[in-house]
Amino acid sequence: MAEKIEERGKNGKKVLIVEDDDTLRKLLVIECKQRGHEVLEFLDAAEAMRIIERDKPQIDAAIIDLMNMGYGGNLGDFLRKFAQYKSTKVIFYTALSDRQFNKRILKQPNTFYIQKEPGSIKTVMDMI
């Protein structure tokens, strides 16, 4: 799926969303746009990595489905390979419980974990 780009709003942040659940991805996109953020939207992490490597877009925050087709966790590491993304806030949004989640990922600066549960989208939005 190609990225969808909207005009930058009053908050002026560019948010990468990688989520394979269509409904959840659409909700995240709607919430971001309501807060005035520009969105790069992807169904899968492999496609996101391809576009990021090719275009090097500005990304202020990334909301990543950790289990996204096996590449979600890799996307956080992938972003950190590029100097321009060292300060990008990476939010792993996952159905994994706290016990199932590999805490090693959180040792990277500006990296966070939020479990998918009712009401958690607001928590994600508040972190951007």
N, C-alpha and C. Protein backbone atom coordinates (compact mmCIF):
# COMPACT_ATOMS: atom_id res chain seq x y z
N MET A 1 0.85 -1.17 0.00
CA MET A 1 0.00 0.00 0.00
C MET A 1 0.89 1.23 0.00
N ALA A 2 0.63 2.14 -0.87
CA ALA A 2 1.41 3.38 -0.92
C ALA A 2 1.00 4.29 0.23
N GLU A 3 1.92 5.13 0.60
CA GLU A 3 1.64 6.05 1.70
C GLU A 3 0.62 7.09 1.28
N LYS A 4 -0.12 7.57 2.26
CA LYS A 4 -1.10 8.64 2.04
C LYS A 4 -0.58 9.85 2.80
N ILE A 5 -0.41 10.95 2.10
CA ILE A 5 0.16 12.13 2.73
C ILE A 5 -0.88 13.24 2.75
N GLU A 6 -1.05 13.86 3.89
CA GLU A 6 -1.97 14.97 4.05
C GLU A 6 -1.18 16.24 4.36
N GLU A 7 -1.80 17.37 4.16
CA GLU A 7 -1.14 18.63 4.48
C GLU A 7 -0.86 18.70 5.97
N ARG A 8 0.26 19.30 6.28
CA ARG A 8 0.67 19.46 7.67
C ARG A 8 -0.29 20.40 8.38
N GLY A 9 -0.71 20.02 9.55
CA GLY A 9 -1.64 20.83 10.31
C GLY A 9 -0.94 21.73 11.30
N LYS A 10 -1.71 22.23 12.24
CA LYS A 10 -1.19 23.19 13.19
C LYS A 10 -0.09 22.62 14.09
N ASN A 11 -0.12 21.33 14.35
CA ASN A 11 0.90 20.72 15.20
C ASN A 11 2.18 20.44 14.43
N GLY A 12 2.08 20.32 13.12
CA GLY A 12 3.25 20.20 12.27
C GLY A 12 4.10 18.95 12.45
N LYS A 13 3.56 17.86 12.97
CA LYS A 13 4.34 16.63 13.10
C LYS A 13 4.01 15.67 11.97
N LYS A 14 5.01 14.91 11.59
CA LYS A 14 4.81 13.89 10.57
C LYS A 14 4.88 12.53 11.26
N VAL A 15 3.80 11.76 11.13
CA VAL A 15 3.67 10.50 11.85
C VAL A 15 3.62 9.33 10.87
N LEU A 16 4.47 8.36 11.09
CA LEU A 16 4.48 7.12 10.34
C LEU A 16 3.59 6.13 11.08
N ILE A 17 2.63 5.54 10.36
CA ILE A 17 1.76 4.52 10.95
C ILE A 17 1.93 3.25 10.13
N VAL A 18 2.29 2.17 10.82
CA VAL A 18 2.43 0.86 10.17
C VAL A 18 1.56 -0.12 10.96
N GLU A 19 0.45 -0.49 10.35
CA GLU A 19 -0.53 -1.35 11.02
C GLU A 19 -1.27 -2.16 9.97
N ASP A 20 -1.31 -3.49 10.13
CA ASP A 20 -1.97 -4.33 9.14
C ASP A 20 -3.46 -4.53 9.41
N ASP A 21 -3.95 -4.14 10.56
CA ASP A 21 -5.38 -4.19 10.84
C ASP A 21 -6.00 -2.91 10.26
N ASP A 22 -6.81 -3.08 9.20
CA ASP A 22 -7.37 -1.93 8.50
C ASP A 22 -8.15 -0.98 9.40
N THR A 23 -9.00 -1.53 10.24
CA THR A 23 -9.82 -0.70 11.12
C THR A 23 -8.97 0.10 12.09
N LEU A 24 -8.03 -0.57 12.72
CA LEU A 24 -7.18 0.11 13.69
C LEU A 24 -6.30 1.16 13.01
N ARG A 25 -5.75 0.83 11.84
CA ARG A 25 -4.93 1.79 11.10
C ARG A 25 -5.75 3.04 10.75
N LYS A 26 -6.96 2.83 10.28
CA LYS A 26 -7.82 3.97 9.92
C LYS A 26 -8.13 4.83 11.14
N LEU A 27 -8.38 4.19 12.29
CA LEU A 27 -8.62 4.95 13.52
C LEU A 27 -7.40 5.78 13.91
N LEU A 28 -6.22 5.19 13.82
CA LEU A 28 -5.00 5.92 14.14
C LEU A 28 -4.80 7.10 13.19
N VAL A 29 -5.05 6.88 11.92
CA VAL A 29 -4.91 7.95 10.92
C VAL A 29 -5.89 9.08 11.23
N ILE A 30 -7.13 8.74 11.49
CA ILE A 30 -8.15 9.75 11.80
C ILE A 30 -7.74 10.56 13.03
N GLU A 31 -7.31 9.88 14.08
CA GLU A 31 -6.90 10.57 15.31
C GLU A 31 -5.71 11.50 15.05
N CYS A 32 -4.74 11.03 14.28
CA CYS A 32 -3.58 11.88 13.97
C CYS A 32 -4.01 13.12 13.20
N LYS A 33 -4.83 12.93 12.19
CA LYS A 33 -5.26 14.06 11.36
C LYS A 33 -6.10 15.05 12.16
N GLN A 34 -6.92 14.54 13.09
CA GLN A 34 -7.71 15.44 13.93
C GLN A 34 -6.81 16.30 14.81
N ARG A 35 -5.63 15.83 15.10
CA ARG A 35 -4.67 16.59 15.90
C ARG A 35 -3.73 17.41 15.03
N GLY A 36 -3.99 17.42 13.72
CA GLY A 36 -3.23 18.25 12.82
C GLY A 36 -1.93 17.67 12.33
N HIS A 37 -1.75 16.36 12.47
CA HIS A 37 -0.52 15.72 12.04
C HIS A 37 -0.61 15.28 10.58
N GLU A 38 0.52 15.27 9.92
CA GLU A 38 0.66 14.71 8.58
C GLU A 38 0.96 13.22 8.76
N VAL A 39 0.39 12.37 7.91
CA VAL A 39 0.49 10.93 8.12
C VAL A 39 1.11 10.23 6.91
N LEU A 40 2.04 9.32 7.21
CA LEU A 40 2.54 8.35 6.24
C LEU A 40 1.95 7.02 6.70
N GLU A 41 1.13 6.41 5.88
CA GLU A 41 0.36 5.24 6.28
C GLU A 41 0.78 4.02 5.47
N PHE A 42 1.06 2.91 6.18
CA PHE A 42 1.46 1.68 5.51
C PHE A 42 0.75 0.49 6.12
N LEU A 43 0.43 -0.46 5.27
CA LEU A 43 -0.16 -1.72 5.68
C LEU A 43 0.90 -2.65 6.26
N ASP A 44 2.10 -2.61 5.68
CA ASP A 44 3.14 -3.53 6.17
C ASP A 44 4.49 -2.84 6.29
N ALA A 45 5.28 -3.36 7.23
CA ALA A 45 6.58 -2.77 7.56
C ALA A 45 7.58 -2.89 6.42
N ALA A 46 7.53 -3.98 5.66
CA ALA A 46 8.47 -4.16 4.56
C ALA A 46 8.33 -3.04 3.54
N GLU A 47 7.11 -2.69 3.21
CA GLU A 47 6.87 -1.59 2.25
C GLU A 47 7.31 -0.26 2.86
N ALA A 48 7.03 -0.06 4.14
CA ALA A 48 7.46 1.17 4.81
C ALA A 48 8.97 1.32 4.75
N MET A 49 9.70 0.23 5.02
CA MET A 49 11.16 0.28 4.98
C MET A 49 11.66 0.61 3.57
N ARG A 50 11.01 0.06 2.57
CA ARG A 50 11.42 0.33 1.19
C ARG A 50 11.26 1.81 0.85
N ILE A 51 10.14 2.39 1.22
CA ILE A 51 9.87 3.81 0.94
C ILE A 51 10.79 4.71 1.77
N ILE A 52 10.99 4.38 3.02
CA ILE A 52 11.86 5.18 3.89
C ILE A 52 13.28 5.18 3.34
N GLU A 53 13.77 4.01 2.96
CA GLU A 53 15.13 3.94 2.43
C GLU A 53 15.27 4.73 1.13
N ARG A 54 14.24 4.69 0.31
CA ARG A 54 14.28 5.38 -0.98
C ARG A 54 14.12 6.90 -0.84
N ASP A 55 13.14 7.33 -0.04
CA ASP A 55 12.76 8.75 0.00
C ASP A 55 13.28 9.52 1.21
N LYS A 56 13.62 8.84 2.28
CA LYS A 56 14.08 9.47 3.54
C LYS A 56 13.14 10.61 3.99
N PRO A 57 11.83 10.33 4.11
CA PRO A 57 10.90 11.39 4.53
C PRO A 57 11.14 11.81 5.98
N GLN A 58 10.72 13.00 6.30
CA GLN A 58 10.76 13.43 7.70
C GLN A 58 9.78 12.56 8.48
N ILE A 59 10.19 12.08 9.63
CA ILE A 59 9.30 11.31 10.51
C ILE A 59 9.58 11.77 11.94
N ASP A 60 8.59 12.40 12.55
CA ASP A 60 8.74 12.86 13.94
C ASP A 60 8.38 11.76 14.93
N ALA A 61 7.39 10.94 14.56
CA ALA A 61 6.96 9.84 15.42
C ALA A 61 6.51 8.68 14.55
N ALA A 62 6.73 7.46 15.05
CA ALA A 62 6.32 6.25 14.33
C ALA A 62 5.48 5.39 15.26
N ILE A 63 4.31 5.01 14.78
CA ILE A 63 3.44 4.09 15.50
C ILE A 63 3.51 2.78 14.73
N ILE A 64 4.08 1.76 15.35
CA ILE A 64 4.39 0.52 14.65
C ILE A 64 3.74 -0.67 15.34
N ASP A 65 3.00 -1.44 14.57
CA ASP A 65 2.48 -2.71 15.04
C ASP A 65 3.68 -3.65 15.14
N LEU A 66 4.06 -4.00 16.34
CA LEU A 66 5.27 -4.78 16.56
C LEU A 66 5.26 -6.11 15.81
N MET A 67 4.12 -6.75 15.74
CA MET A 67 4.02 -8.06 15.10
C MET A 67 3.69 -7.95 13.61
N ASN A 68 3.82 -6.80 13.03
CA ASN A 68 3.43 -6.56 11.64
C ASN A 68 4.21 -7.45 10.68
N MET A 69 3.59 -8.52 10.27
CA MET A 69 4.12 -9.42 9.25
C MET A 69 5.58 -9.81 9.49
N GLY A 70 5.96 -9.86 10.77
CA GLY A 70 7.31 -10.27 11.11
C GLY A 70 8.35 -9.18 11.02
N TYR A 71 7.99 -8.01 10.53
CA TYR A 71 8.96 -6.94 10.33
C TYR A 71 8.79 -5.77 11.28
N GLY A 72 7.71 -5.73 12.04
CA GLY A 72 7.43 -4.57 12.88
C GLY A 72 8.58 -4.20 13.81
N GLY A 73 9.10 -5.18 14.54
CA GLY A 73 10.22 -4.91 15.45
C GLY A 73 11.46 -4.47 14.70
N ASN A 74 11.66 -5.01 13.52
CA ASN A 74 12.81 -4.63 12.70
C ASN A 74 12.73 -3.18 12.24
N LEU A 75 11.52 -2.66 12.07
CA LEU A 75 11.36 -1.30 11.59
C LEU A 75 11.94 -0.28 12.56
N GLY A 76 11.80 -0.51 13.84
CA GLY A 76 12.40 0.39 14.82
C GLY A 76 13.91 0.43 14.68
N ASP A 77 14.53 -0.75 14.58
CA ASP A 77 15.98 -0.82 14.38
C ASP A 77 16.38 -0.20 13.04
N PHE A 78 15.57 -0.44 12.03
CA PHE A 78 15.83 0.10 10.70
C PHE A 78 15.88 1.63 10.74
N LEU A 79 14.91 2.24 11.39
CA LEU A 79 14.89 3.71 11.48
C LEU A 79 16.15 4.24 12.15
N ARG A 80 16.62 3.55 13.19
CA ARG A 80 17.78 4.02 13.95
C ARG A 80 19.08 3.95 13.15
N LYS A 81 19.08 3.23 12.03
CA LYS A 81 20.27 3.17 11.18
C LYS A 81 20.55 4.51 10.50
N PHE A 82 19.53 5.35 10.38
CA PHE A 82 19.66 6.63 9.70
C PHE A 82 19.78 7.75 10.72
N ALA A 83 20.78 8.58 10.58
CA ALA A 83 21.02 9.67 11.53
C ALA A 83 19.80 10.57 11.69
N GLN A 84 19.08 10.82 10.61
CA GLN A 84 17.95 11.74 10.69
C GLN A 84 16.80 11.21 11.55
N TYR A 85 16.79 9.91 11.86
CA TYR A 85 15.72 9.33 12.66
C TYR A 85 16.15 9.00 14.09
N LYS A 86 17.33 9.41 14.49
CA LYS A 86 17.82 9.11 15.84
C LYS A 86 16.90 9.66 16.92
N SER A 87 16.29 10.81 16.67
CA SER A 87 15.40 11.40 17.68
C SER A 87 13.92 11.13 17.41
N THR A 88 13.63 10.34 16.39
CA THR A 88 12.23 9.99 16.09
C THR A 88 11.66 9.16 17.23
N LYS A 89 10.49 9.52 17.69
CA LYS A 89 9.82 8.77 18.74
C LYS A 89 9.21 7.52 18.11
N VAL A 90 9.58 6.35 18.61
CA VAL A 90 9.07 5.08 18.10
C VAL A 90 8.14 4.48 19.15
N ILE A 91 6.88 4.30 18.77
CA ILE A 91 5.88 3.75 19.67
C ILE A 91 5.46 2.39 19.11
N PHE A 92 5.84 1.32 19.81
CA PHE A 92 5.41 -0.01 19.42
C PHE A 92 4.03 -0.24 20.02
N TYR A 93 3.07 -0.40 19.14
CA TYR A 93 1.67 -0.58 19.53
C TYR A 93 1.33 -2.03 19.22
N THR A 94 1.16 -2.84 20.26
CA THR A 94 1.10 -4.27 20.06
C THR A 94 0.04 -4.96 20.93
N ALA A 95 -0.40 -6.10 20.46
CA ALA A 95 -1.33 -6.92 21.23
C ALA A 95 -0.59 -7.79 22.24
N LEU A 96 0.74 -7.82 22.14
CA LEU A 96 1.52 -8.61 23.08
C LEU A 96 1.37 -8.07 24.51
N SER A 97 1.29 -8.98 25.45
CA SER A 97 1.22 -8.55 26.85
C SER A 97 2.60 -8.10 27.31
N ASP A 98 2.64 -7.49 28.46
CA ASP A 98 3.90 -7.01 29.02
C ASP A 98 4.90 -8.17 29.19
N ARG A 99 4.42 -9.35 29.54
CA ARG A 99 5.31 -10.51 29.72
C ARG A 99 5.81 -11.06 28.38
N GLN A 100 5.02 -10.91 27.32
CA GLN A 100 5.41 -11.44 26.01
C GLN A 100 6.34 -10.50 25.25
N PHE A 101 6.37 -9.26 25.64
CA PHE A 101 7.09 -8.22 24.92
C PHE A 101 8.58 -8.26 25.26
N ASN A 102 9.42 -8.20 24.26
CA ASN A 102 10.88 -8.19 24.45
C ASN A 102 11.33 -6.79 24.88
N LYS A 103 11.66 -6.63 26.13
CA LYS A 103 12.03 -5.32 26.68
C LYS A 103 13.32 -4.76 26.10
N ARG A 104 14.12 -5.60 25.44
CA ARG A 104 15.36 -5.13 24.83
C ARG A 104 15.09 -3.96 23.88
N ILE A 105 13.98 -4.02 23.19
CA ILE A 105 13.63 -2.98 22.23
C ILE A 105 13.55 -1.61 22.91
N LEU A 106 13.11 -1.58 24.15
CA LEU A 106 12.91 -0.32 24.86
C LEU A 106 14.20 0.34 25.32
N LYS A 107 15.32 -0.33 25.15
CA LYS A 107 16.61 0.25 25.55
C LYS A 107 17.05 1.35 24.59
N GLN A 108 16.45 1.40 23.41
CA GLN A 108 16.75 2.46 22.45
C GLN A 108 16.10 3.75 22.95
N PRO A 109 16.77 4.89 22.78
CA PRO A 109 16.16 6.17 23.19
C PRO A 109 14.87 6.44 22.42
N ASN A 110 13.96 7.13 23.05
CA ASN A 110 12.70 7.55 22.42
C ASN A 110 11.88 6.38 21.90
N THR A 111 11.94 5.24 22.60
CA THR A 111 11.21 4.05 22.18
C THR A 111 10.26 3.63 23.30
N PHE A 112 9.01 3.37 22.91
CA PHE A 112 7.96 3.12 23.89
C PHE A 112 7.12 1.92 23.47
N TYR A 113 6.41 1.34 24.42
CA TYR A 113 5.54 0.19 24.22
C TYR A 113 4.16 0.54 24.77
N ILE A 114 3.13 0.30 23.97
CA ILE A 114 1.76 0.45 24.44
C ILE A 114 0.99 -0.79 23.98
N GLN A 115 0.32 -1.42 24.92
CA GLN A 115 -0.47 -2.60 24.58
C GLN A 115 -1.81 -2.17 24.01
N LYS A 116 -2.22 -2.84 22.94
CA LYS A 116 -3.52 -2.57 22.32
C LYS A 116 -4.61 -3.07 23.26
N GLU A 117 -5.43 -2.15 23.71
CA GLU A 117 -6.57 -2.47 24.56
C GLU A 117 -7.53 -1.30 24.47
N PRO A 118 -8.77 -1.47 24.91
CA PRO A 118 -9.73 -0.36 24.81
C PRO A 118 -9.18 0.93 25.43
N GLY A 119 -9.29 2.01 24.70
CA GLY A 119 -8.84 3.31 25.19
C GLY A 119 -7.37 3.61 24.95
N SER A 120 -6.62 2.65 24.42
CA SER A 120 -5.17 2.85 24.28
C SER A 120 -4.78 3.79 23.14
N ILE A 121 -5.68 4.01 22.20
CA ILE A 121 -5.36 4.93 21.10
C ILE A 121 -5.11 6.33 21.66
N LYS A 122 -5.88 6.73 22.65
CA LYS A 122 -5.66 8.05 23.27
C LYS A 122 -4.27 8.12 23.89
N THR A 123 -3.82 7.05 24.52
CA THR A 123 -2.49 7.01 25.11
C THR A 123 -1.43 7.18 24.03
N VAL A 124 -1.62 6.49 22.90
CA VAL A 124 -0.69 6.61 21.78
C VAL A 124 -0.64 8.06 21.29
N MET A 125 -1.80 8.66 21.09
CA MET A 125 -1.87 10.03 20.58
C MET A 125 -1.21 11.02 21.55
N ASP A 126 -1.40 10.80 22.82
CA ASP A 126 -0.80 11.69 23.82
C ASP A 126 0.72 11.61 23.82
N MET A 127 1.28 10.51 23.32
CA MET A 127 2.73 10.33 23.31
C MET A 127 3.40 11.00 22.10
N ILE A 128 2.63 11.27 21.08
CA ILE A 128 3.23 11.83 19.85
C ILE A 128 3.79 13.22 20.10
